[in-house]
C-alpha atoms as a PDB file:
ATOM      1  CA  MET A   1      86.250 126.503  95.541  1.00  0.00           C
ATOM      2  CA  VAL A   2      85.698 123.891  98.285  1.00  0.00           C
ATOM      3  CA  ALA A   3      87.868 125.841 100.735  1.00  0.00           C
ATOM      4  CA  SER A   4      85.915 129.007  99.962  1.00  0.00           C
ATOM      5  CA  LEU A   5      82.616 127.221 100.570  1.00  0.00           C
ATOM      6  CA  GLU A   6      83.938 125.734 103.826  1.00  0.00           C
ATOM      7  CA  GLY A   7      84.901 129.220 104.991  1.00  0.00           C
ATOM      8  CA  ARG A   8      81.531 130.651 104.058  1.00  0.00           C
ATOM      9  CA  LEU A   9      79.724 127.888 105.982  1.00  0.00           C
ATOM     10  CA  LYS A  10      81.857 128.492 109.077  1.00  0.00           C
ATOM     11  CA  GLN A  11      80.590 132.070 109.022  1.00  0.00           C
ATOM     12  CA  ASN A  12      77.006 131.106 108.126  1.00  0.00           C
ATOM     13  CA  PRO A  13      76.287 127.501 109.200  1.00  0.00           C
ATOM     14  CA  ASP A  14      72.519 127.890 108.701  1.00  0.00           C
ATOM     15  CA  ASP A  15      72.744 127.467 104.927  1.00  0.00           C
ATOM     16  CA  PRO A  16      71.314 124.077 103.888  1.00  0.00           C
ATOM     17  CA  ALA A  17      71.908 124.745 100.184  1.00  0.00           C
ATOM     18  CA  GLY A  18      75.541 125.549 100.933  1.00  0.00           C
ATOM     19  CA  TRP A  19      75.928 122.347 102.966  1.00  0.00           C
ATOM     20  CA  LEU A  20      74.392 120.318 100.141  1.00  0.00           C
ATOM     21  CA  MET A  21      76.779 121.882  97.646  1.00  0.00           C
ATOM     22  CA  LEU A  22      79.693 121.141  99.967  1.00  0.00           C
ATOM     23  CA  ALA A  23      78.521 117.537 100.459  1.00  0.00           C
ATOM     24  CA  ARG A  24      78.382 117.018  96.698  1.00  0.00           C
ATOM     25  CA  SER A  25      81.817 118.582  96.309  1.00  0.00           C
ATOM     26  CA  TYR A  26      83.282 116.299  98.950  1.00  0.00           C
ATOM     27  CA  ARG A  27      81.664 113.276  97.240  1.00  0.00           C
ATOM     28  CA  HIS A  28      83.201 114.309  93.954  1.00  0.00           C
ATOM     29  CA  PHE A  29      86.649 114.249  95.534  1.00  0.00           C
ATOM     30  CA  GLY A  30      86.043 110.965  97.395  1.00  0.00           C
ATOM     31  CA  ARG A  31      85.942 112.626 100.797  1.00  0.00           C
ATOM     32  CA  TYR A  32      83.011 110.531 101.991  1.00  0.00           C
ATOM     33  CA  GLU A  33      83.261 111.058 105.762  1.00  0.00           C
ATOM     34  CA  GLU A  34      83.235 114.830 105.263  1.00  0.00           C
ATOM     35  CA  ALA A  35      80.451 114.502 102.698  1.00  0.00           C
ATOM     36  CA  ALA A  36      78.312 112.548 105.176  1.00  0.00           C
ATOM     37  CA  ASN A  37      78.791 115.278 107.775  1.00  0.00           C
ATOM     38  CA  ALA A  38      77.896 117.970 105.263  1.00  0.00           C
ATOM     39  CA  PHE A  39      74.767 116.063 104.168  1.00  0.00           C
ATOM     40  CA  SER A  40      73.702 115.845 107.818  1.00  0.00           C
ATOM     41  CA  ASN A  41      73.873 119.655 108.014  1.00  0.00           C
ATOM     42  CA  ALA A  42      71.526 119.927 105.030  1.00  0.00           C
ATOM     43  CA  THR A  43      68.911 117.512 106.403  1.00  0.00           C
ATOM     44  CA  ASN A  44      65.829 119.681 105.775  1.00  0.00           C
ATOM     45  CA  LEU A  45      66.784 120.199 102.141  1.00  0.00           C
ATOM     46  CA  VAL A  46      67.937 116.623 101.608  1.00  0.00           C
ATOM     47  CA  GLN A  47      64.704 115.108 102.975  1.00  0.00           C
ATOM     48  CA  THR A  48      62.686 116.558 100.084  1.00  0.00           C
ATOM     49  CA  ASP A  49      65.154 115.834  97.256  1.00  0.00           C
ATOM     50  CA  PRO A  50      65.242 112.246  95.915  1.00  0.00           C
ATOM     51  CA  LEU A  51      68.638 112.708  94.266  1.00  0.00           C
ATOM     52  CA  ALA A  52      70.178 114.195  97.421  1.00  0.00           C
ATOM     53  CA  LEU A  53      68.698 111.365  99.490  1.00  0.00           C
ATOM     54  CA  ALA A  54      70.283 108.811  97.151  1.00  0.00           C
ATOM     55  CA  GLU A  55      73.619 110.630  97.208  1.00  0.00           C
ATOM     56  CA  TYR A  56      73.522 110.734 101.001  1.00  0.00           C
ATOM     57  CA  ALA A  57      72.634 107.020 101.148  1.00  0.00           C
ATOM     58  CA  GLU A  58      75.518 106.091  98.874  1.00  0.00           C
ATOM     59  CA  THR A  59      77.883 108.303 100.852  1.00  0.00           C
ATOM     60  CA  LEU A  60      76.881 106.664 104.135  1.00  0.00           C
ATOM     61  CA  ALA A  61      77.199 103.201 102.590  1.00  0.00           C
ATOM     62  CA  ARG A  62      80.752 104.025 101.532  1.00  0.00           C
ATOM     63  CA  THR A  63      81.689 105.087 105.065  1.00  0.00           C
ATOM     64  CA  ARG A  64      80.255 102.075 106.911  1.00  0.00           C
ATOM     65  CA  SER A  65      81.359  98.479 107.000  1.00  0.00           C
ATOM     66  CA  SER A  66      77.652  97.533 106.970  1.00  0.00           C
ATOM     67  CA  GLY A  67      77.195  99.156 103.558  1.00  0.00           C
ATOM     68  CA  PHE A  68      73.569  99.975 102.795  1.00  0.00           C
ATOM     69  CA  GLU A  69      72.220  98.382 105.970  1.00  0.00           C
ATOM     70  CA  GLY A  70      70.145 100.671 108.180  1.00  0.00           C
ATOM     71  CA  GLU A  71      70.039 104.416 107.515  1.00  0.00           C
ATOM     72  CA  PRO A  72      71.228 104.257 103.869  1.00  0.00           C
ATOM     73  CA  THR A  73      68.357 101.905 103.010  1.00  0.00           C
ATOM     74  CA  ARG A  74      65.861 104.117 104.849  1.00  0.00           C
ATOM     75  CA  LEU A  75      67.114 107.116 102.842  1.00  0.00           C
ATOM     76  CA  LEU A  76      66.646 105.187  99.592  1.00  0.00           C
ATOM     77  CA  GLU A  77      63.128 104.160 100.613  1.00  0.00           C
ATOM     78  CA  ARG A  78      62.299 107.810 101.272  1.00  0.00           C
ATOM     79  CA  ALA A  79      63.770 108.839  97.913  1.00  0.00           C
ATOM     80  CA  LEU A  80      61.647 106.240  96.130  1.00  0.00           C
ATOM     81  CA  SER A  81      58.531 107.291  98.036  1.00  0.00           C
ATOM     82  CA  LEU A  82      59.077 110.827  96.721  1.00  0.00           C
ATOM     83  CA  SER A  83      59.991 109.767  93.184  1.00  0.00           C
ATOM     84  CA  PRO A  84      59.360 106.075  92.394  1.00  0.00           C
ATOM     85  CA  GLY A  85      60.997 106.241  88.955  1.00  0.00           C
ATOM     86  CA  SER A  86      64.125 108.150  89.918  1.00  0.00           C
ATOM     87  CA  PRO A  87      67.130 106.349  88.380  1.00  0.00           C
ATOM     88  CA  MET A  88      69.772 106.827  91.070  1.00  0.00           C
ATOM     89  CA  PRO A  89      67.584 105.675  93.978  1.00  0.00           C
ATOM     90  CA  LEU A  90      66.426 102.672  91.924  1.00  0.00           C
ATOM     91  CA  THR A  91      70.022 101.794  91.062  1.00  0.00           C
ATOM     92  CA  LEU A  92      71.181 102.007  94.661  1.00  0.00           C
ATOM     93  CA  ALA A  93      68.096 100.254  96.060  1.00  0.00           C
ATOM     94  CA  GLY A  94      68.933  97.353  93.746  1.00  0.00           C
ATOM     95  CA  ALA A  95      72.515  97.343  95.009  1.00  0.00           C
ATOM     96  CA  ALA A  96      71.279  97.422  98.610  1.00  0.00           C
ATOM     97  CA  ALA A  97      68.968  94.481  97.913  1.00  0.00           C
ATOM     98  CA  MET A  98      71.863  92.540  96.377  1.00  0.00           C
ATOM     99  CA  GLN A  99      73.961  93.256  99.450  1.00  0.00           C
ATOM    100  CA  ARG A 100      71.326  91.669 101.689  1.00  0.00           C
ATOM    101  CA  GLU A 101      70.823  88.832  99.168  1.00  0.00           C
ATOM    102  CA  ASP A 102      67.234  89.872  98.461  1.00  0.00           C
ATOM    103  CA  TYR A 103      67.492  88.973  94.792  1.00  0.00           C
ATOM    104  CA  PRO A 104      63.774  89.377  93.935  1.00  0.00           C
ATOM    105  CA  ALA A 105      63.869  92.954  95.280  1.00  0.00           C
ATOM    106  CA  ALA A 106      67.037  93.737  93.306  1.00  0.00           C
ATOM    107  CA  ILE A 107      65.433  92.381  90.138  1.00  0.00           C
ATOM    108  CA  ASN A 108      62.305  94.438  90.841  1.00  0.00           C
ATOM    109  CA  TYR A 109      64.191  97.706  91.422  1.00  0.00           C
ATOM    110  CA  TRP A 110      66.374  97.241  88.377  1.00  0.00           C
ATOM    111  CA  GLY A 111      63.376  96.195  86.272  1.00  0.00           C
ATOM    112  CA  LYS A 112      61.728  99.511  87.152  1.00  0.00           C
ATOM    113  CA  LEU A 113      64.978 101.250  86.272  1.00  0.00           C
ATOM    114  CA  LEU A 114      64.976  99.625  82.827  1.00  0.00           C
ATOM    115  CA  GLU A 115      61.543 101.140  82.224  1.00  0.00           C
ATOM    116  CA  VAL A 116      62.952 104.679  82.504  1.00  0.00           C
ATOM    117  CA  LEU A 117      66.199 104.148  80.588  1.00  0.00           C
ATOM    118  CA  PRO A 118      66.537 104.444  76.813  1.00  0.00           C
ATOM    119  CA  PRO A 119      66.277 100.807  75.643  1.00  0.00           C
ATOM    120  CA  ASP A 120      69.443 100.782  73.525  1.00  0.00           C
ATOM    121  CA  SER A 121      71.604 102.729  75.972  1.00  0.00           C
ATOM    122  CA  ASP A 122      74.773 101.471  77.604  1.00  0.00           C
ATOM    123  CA  ALA A 123      73.089 102.021  80.967  1.00  0.00           C
ATOM    124  CA  ALA A 124      70.192  99.729  79.980  1.00  0.00           C
ATOM    125  CA  LYS A 125      72.690  97.059  78.923  1.00  0.00           C
ATOM    126  CA  VAL A 126      74.499  97.260  82.284  1.00  0.00           C
ATOM    127  CA  VAL A 127      71.210  97.099  84.189  1.00  0.00           C
ATOM    128  CA  SER A 128      70.068  94.095  82.137  1.00  0.00           C
ATOM    129  CA  GLU A 129      73.347  92.351  82.957  1.00  0.00           C
ATOM    130  CA  SER A 130      72.847  93.165  86.644  1.00  0.00           C
ATOM    131  CA  ILE A 131      69.356  91.665  86.523  1.00  0.00           C
ATOM    132  CA  GLU A 132      70.739  88.499  84.932  1.00  0.00           C
ATOM    133  CA  HIS A 133      73.423  88.315  87.619  1.00  0.00           C
ATOM    134  CA  ALA A 134      70.755  88.663  90.331  1.00  0.00           C
ATOM    135  CA  ARG A 135      68.698  85.899  88.708  1.00  0.00           C
ATOM    136  CA  LYS A 136      71.732  83.593  88.668  1.00  0.00           C
ATOM    137  CA  GLN A 137      72.480  84.389  92.305  1.00  0.00           C
ATOM    138  CA  GLN A 138      68.850  83.694  93.176  1.00  0.00           C
ATOM    139  CA  ALA A 139      68.961  80.343  91.360  1.00  0.00           C
ATOM    140  CA  ASP A 140      72.256  79.420  93.060  1.00  0.00           C
ATOM    141  CA  LEU A 141      70.770  80.278  96.454  1.00  0.00           C
ATOM    142  CA  ALA A 142      67.709  78.155  95.706  1.00  0.00           C
ATOM    143  CA  ARG A 143      69.924  75.209  94.668  1.00  0.00           C
ATOM    144  CA  ARG A 144      72.056  75.521  97.811  1.00  0.00           C
ATOM    145  CA  SER A 145      68.943  75.726  99.972  1.00  0.00           C
ATOM    146  CA  ALA A 146      67.488  72.636  98.312  1.00  0.00           C
ATOM    147  CA  THR A 147      70.650  70.620  99.002  1.00  0.00           C
ATOM    148  CA  ASP A 148      70.774  71.791 102.636  1.00  0.00           C
ATOM    149  CA  VAL A 149      67.294  70.446 103.427  1.00  0.00           C
ATOM    150  CA  PRO A 150      67.487  67.316 105.631  1.00  0.00           C
ATOM    151  CA  GLN A 151      65.907  64.266 104.026  1.00  0.00           C
END
């Protein structure tokens, strides 16, 4: 199926929906570099779709040593501006905040995510655990900062 779609897009490269489908297919198979290229060919479609923006952000983060820094974070911000309660962008925005050690932001994003998840779901449990982890990291950072202050 992927090979067929690749062939079709070689013949008709002006097909954003086809590129998005190919990008998602590549992601599914862990072909992140190719997925990032395919997402870039579907830019007009991706820019209006919060889920596609989040998928693109995650794909870029997986292909870069800097993770979510830069363009992936901008894509997540756009996704959340379009759909503030969208679960995948909230999840990834929390992960991006953790990466940059912005624990209050991570807690905020994941707190908003908890509001849209079924309270007794496995996903809500995982998010609650992530929030607790962020709180512990924040407390550890505060303790380290307090001990580093010259007297």
